[in-house]
């Protein structure tokens, strides 16, 4: 093997090792959301809810972050299912993980409180 080929091999290995690693685990989010928006029914909603829960559970196992908005969206779906306390816990998780979402999540909480009156 001549020096030129060795240089190319080293360069290739170096470039492959420098490939960017993902920060988030998105799972099946895009397709489940698309299916739900295209055909909004109980079946597609349940599939999307399952996809969100899969992201929440699988992200730590893969040593990746839960993407922004996932906790809030899952919490919102839980509240719509009548599981208000559990949904509010996911709202709080969203704020802890992404403090910049506090204004939005607080607005959701305020709307929920207003609806109770």
C-alpha atoms as a PDB file:
ATOM      1  CA  UNK A   1       0.000   0.000   0.000  1.00  0.00           C
ATOM      2  CA  UNK A   2       1.540   3.280  -1.013  1.00  0.00           C
ATOM      3  CA  UNK A   3       1.479   6.478   1.040  1.00  0.00           C
ATOM      4  CA  UNK A   4      -1.242   8.056  -1.112  1.00  0.00           C
ATOM      5  CA  UNK A   5      -3.703   5.214  -0.474  1.00  0.00           C
ATOM      6  CA  UNK A   6      -2.857   5.238   3.215  1.00  0.00           C
ATOM      7  CA  UNK A   7      -3.600   8.975   3.328  1.00  0.00           C
ATOM      8  CA  UNK A   8      -6.995   8.449   1.637  1.00  0.00           C
ATOM      9  CA  UNK A   9      -7.869   5.629   4.016  1.00  0.00           C
ATOM     10  CA  UNK A  10      -6.920   7.726   7.052  1.00  0.00           C
ATOM     11  CA  UNK A  11      -8.918  10.692   5.712  1.00  0.00           C
ATOM     12  CA  UNK A  12     -11.985   8.531   5.135  1.00  0.00           C
ATOM     13  CA  UNK A  13     -11.842   7.056   8.649  1.00  0.00           C
ATOM     14  CA  UNK A  14     -11.336  10.523  10.122  1.00  0.00           C
ATOM     15  CA  UNK A  15     -14.295  12.023   8.245  1.00  0.00           C
ATOM     16  CA  UNK A  16     -16.614   9.150   9.165  1.00  0.00           C
ATOM     17  CA  UNK A  17     -15.669   9.541  12.815  1.00  0.00           C
ATOM     18  CA  UNK A  18     -16.513  13.246  12.691  1.00  0.00           C
ATOM     19  CA  UNK A  19     -20.077  12.778  11.452  1.00  0.00           C
ATOM     20  CA  UNK A  20     -22.531  14.778  13.571  1.00  0.00           C
ATOM     21  CA  UNK A  21     -24.440  12.772  16.145  1.00  0.00           C
ATOM     22  CA  UNK A  22     -28.176  13.406  16.630  1.00  0.00           C
ATOM     23  CA  UNK A  23     -29.291  15.311  19.727  1.00  0.00           C
ATOM     24  CA  UNK A  24     -32.882  14.105  19.788  1.00  0.00           C
ATOM     25  CA  UNK A  25     -34.785  10.874  19.297  1.00  0.00           C
ATOM     26  CA  UNK A  26     -37.845  11.573  17.140  1.00  0.00           C
ATOM     27  CA  UNK A  27     -39.050   7.993  16.731  1.00  0.00           C
ATOM     28  CA  UNK A  28     -42.121   7.791  14.500  1.00  0.00           C
ATOM     29  CA  UNK A  29     -43.312  11.318  15.303  1.00  0.00           C
ATOM     30  CA  UNK A  30     -43.565  12.693  11.761  1.00  0.00           C
ATOM     31  CA  UNK A  31     -45.569   9.864  10.281  1.00  0.00           C
ATOM     32  CA  UNK A  32     -47.887   9.467  13.279  1.00  0.00           C
ATOM     33  CA  UNK A  33     -48.646  13.206  13.329  1.00  0.00           C
ATOM     34  CA  UNK A  34     -49.183  13.221   9.567  1.00  0.00           C
ATOM     35  CA  UNK A  35     -51.571  10.254   9.812  1.00  0.00           C
ATOM     36  CA  UNK A  36     -53.506  11.940  12.611  1.00  0.00           C
ATOM     37  CA  UNK A  37     -53.779  15.263  10.762  1.00  0.00           C
ATOM     38  CA  UNK A  38     -54.777  13.509   7.549  1.00  0.00           C
ATOM     39  CA  UNK A  39     -57.427  11.294   9.211  1.00  0.00           C
ATOM     40  CA  UNK A  40     -58.275  12.600  12.670  1.00  0.00           C
ATOM     41  CA  UNK A  41     -59.972   9.689  14.408  1.00  0.00           C
ATOM     42  CA  UNK A  42     -59.522   7.638  17.579  1.00  0.00           C
ATOM     43  CA  UNK A  43     -57.209   5.133  15.905  1.00  0.00           C
ATOM     44  CA  UNK A  44     -54.739   7.693  14.543  1.00  0.00           C
ATOM     45  CA  UNK A  45     -54.902   9.723  17.769  1.00  0.00           C
ATOM     46  CA  UNK A  46     -54.053   6.611  19.804  1.00  0.00           C
ATOM     47  CA  UNK A  47     -51.172   5.819  17.432  1.00  0.00           C
ATOM     48  CA  UNK A  48     -49.822   9.372  17.757  1.00  0.00           C
ATOM     49  CA  UNK A  49     -50.151   9.255  21.548  1.00  0.00           C
ATOM     50  CA  UNK A  50     -48.270   5.946  21.547  1.00  0.00           C
ATOM     51  CA  UNK A  51     -45.565   7.496  19.363  1.00  0.00           C
ATOM     52  CA  UNK A  52     -45.132  10.387  21.823  1.00  0.00           C
ATOM     53  CA  UNK A  53     -44.852   7.995  24.755  1.00  0.00           C
ATOM     54  CA  UNK A  54     -42.315   5.911  22.820  1.00  0.00           C
ATOM     55  CA  UNK A  55     -40.175   9.019  22.308  1.00  0.00           C
ATOM     56  CA  UNK A  56     -40.363   9.866  26.012  1.00  0.00           C
ATOM     57  CA  UNK A  57     -39.413   6.338  27.088  1.00  0.00           C
ATOM     58  CA  UNK A  58     -36.826   5.544  24.399  1.00  0.00           C
ATOM     59  CA  UNK A  59     -34.865   8.823  24.369  1.00  0.00           C
ATOM     60  CA  UNK A  60     -33.035   8.197  27.674  1.00  0.00           C
ATOM     61  CA  UNK A  61     -32.291   4.611  26.652  1.00  0.00           C
ATOM     62  CA  UNK A  62     -30.561   5.910  23.530  1.00  0.00           C
ATOM     63  CA  UNK A  63     -28.799   8.650  25.544  1.00  0.00           C
ATOM     64  CA  UNK A  64     -30.588  11.332  23.516  1.00  0.00           C
ATOM     65  CA  UNK A  65     -32.776  14.244  24.567  1.00  0.00           C
ATOM     66  CA  UNK A  66     -36.557  14.282  24.369  1.00  0.00           C
ATOM     67  CA  UNK A  67     -37.274  16.782  21.565  1.00  0.00           C
ATOM     68  CA  UNK A  68     -38.761  20.189  22.377  1.00  0.00           C
ATOM     69  CA  UNK A  69     -42.530  20.200  22.678  1.00  0.00           C
ATOM     70  CA  UNK A  70     -42.983  16.449  23.114  1.00  0.00           C
ATOM     71  CA  UNK A  71     -43.700  16.604  26.855  1.00  0.00           C
ATOM     72  CA  UNK A  72     -46.129  19.495  26.345  1.00  0.00           C
ATOM     73  CA  UNK A  73     -47.942  17.794  23.477  1.00  0.00           C
ATOM     74  CA  UNK A  74     -48.252  14.527  25.383  1.00  0.00           C
ATOM     75  CA  UNK A  75     -49.472  16.426  28.457  1.00  0.00           C
ATOM     76  CA  UNK A  76     -52.064  18.222  26.346  1.00  0.00           C
ATOM     77  CA  UNK A  77     -53.366  14.921  24.981  1.00  0.00           C
ATOM     78  CA  UNK A  78     -53.569  13.502  28.505  1.00  0.00           C
ATOM     79  CA  UNK A  79     -55.557  16.527  29.685  1.00  0.00           C
ATOM     80  CA  UNK A  80     -57.940  16.068  26.761  1.00  0.00           C
ATOM     81  CA  UNK A  81     -58.341  12.432  27.873  1.00  0.00           C
ATOM     82  CA  UNK A  82     -59.387  13.634  31.335  1.00  0.00           C
ATOM     83  CA  UNK A  83     -56.039  12.908  33.019  1.00  0.00           C
ATOM     84  CA  UNK A  84     -55.436  16.476  34.126  1.00  0.00           C
ATOM     85  CA  UNK A  85     -52.941  15.897  36.953  1.00  0.00           C
ATOM     86  CA  UNK A  86     -50.767  13.627  34.828  1.00  0.00           C
ATOM     87  CA  UNK A  87     -50.944  16.095  31.943  1.00  0.00           C
ATOM     88  CA  UNK A  88     -49.853  18.977  34.168  1.00  0.00           C
ATOM     89  CA  UNK A  89     -46.861  16.911  35.294  1.00  0.00           C
ATOM     90  CA  UNK A  90     -45.760  16.625  31.665  1.00  0.00           C
ATOM     91  CA  UNK A  91     -46.222  20.388  31.234  1.00  0.00           C
ATOM     92  CA  UNK A  92     -43.858  20.873  34.181  1.00  0.00           C
ATOM     93  CA  UNK A  93     -41.347  18.436  32.660  1.00  0.00           C
ATOM     94  CA  UNK A  94     -41.400  20.503  29.460  1.00  0.00           C
ATOM     95  CA  UNK A  95     -40.601  23.673  31.421  1.00  0.00           C
ATOM     96  CA  UNK A  96     -37.761  21.984  33.331  1.00  0.00           C
ATOM     97  CA  UNK A  97     -36.160  20.585  30.181  1.00  0.00           C
ATOM     98  CA  UNK A  98     -36.845  23.640  27.994  1.00  0.00           C
ATOM     99  CA  UNK A  99     -37.201  26.785  30.163  1.00  0.00           C
ATOM    100  CA  UNK A 100     -37.810  28.898  27.058  1.00  0.00           C
ATOM    101  CA  UNK A 101     -41.191  27.172  26.696  1.00  0.00           C
ATOM    102  CA  UNK A 102     -42.407  28.482  30.063  1.00  0.00           C
ATOM    103  CA  UNK A 103     -44.487  31.331  28.606  1.00  0.00           C
ATOM    104  CA  UNK A 104     -46.287  29.031  26.180  1.00  0.00           C
ATOM    105  CA  UNK A 105     -46.887  26.253  28.705  1.00  0.00           C
ATOM    106  CA  UNK A 106     -48.062  28.740  31.315  1.00  0.00           C
ATOM    107  CA  UNK A 107     -50.553  30.082  28.784  1.00  0.00           C
ATOM    108  CA  UNK A 108     -51.873  26.533  28.298  1.00  0.00           C
ATOM    109  CA  UNK A 109     -52.206  26.138  32.062  1.00  0.00           C
ATOM    110  CA  UNK A 110     -54.038  29.465  32.324  1.00  0.00           C
ATOM    111  CA  UNK A 111     -56.483  28.442  29.590  1.00  0.00           C
ATOM    112  CA  UNK A 112     -57.106  25.180  31.408  1.00  0.00           C
ATOM    113  CA  UNK A 113     -57.758  27.011  34.681  1.00  0.00           C
ATOM    114  CA  UNK A 114     -60.076  29.477  32.910  1.00  0.00           C
ATOM    115  CA  UNK A 115     -62.070  26.595  31.448  1.00  0.00           C
ATOM    116  CA  UNK A 116     -62.765  25.230  34.924  1.00  0.00           C
ATOM    117  CA  UNK A 117     -64.460  28.414  36.117  1.00  0.00           C
END
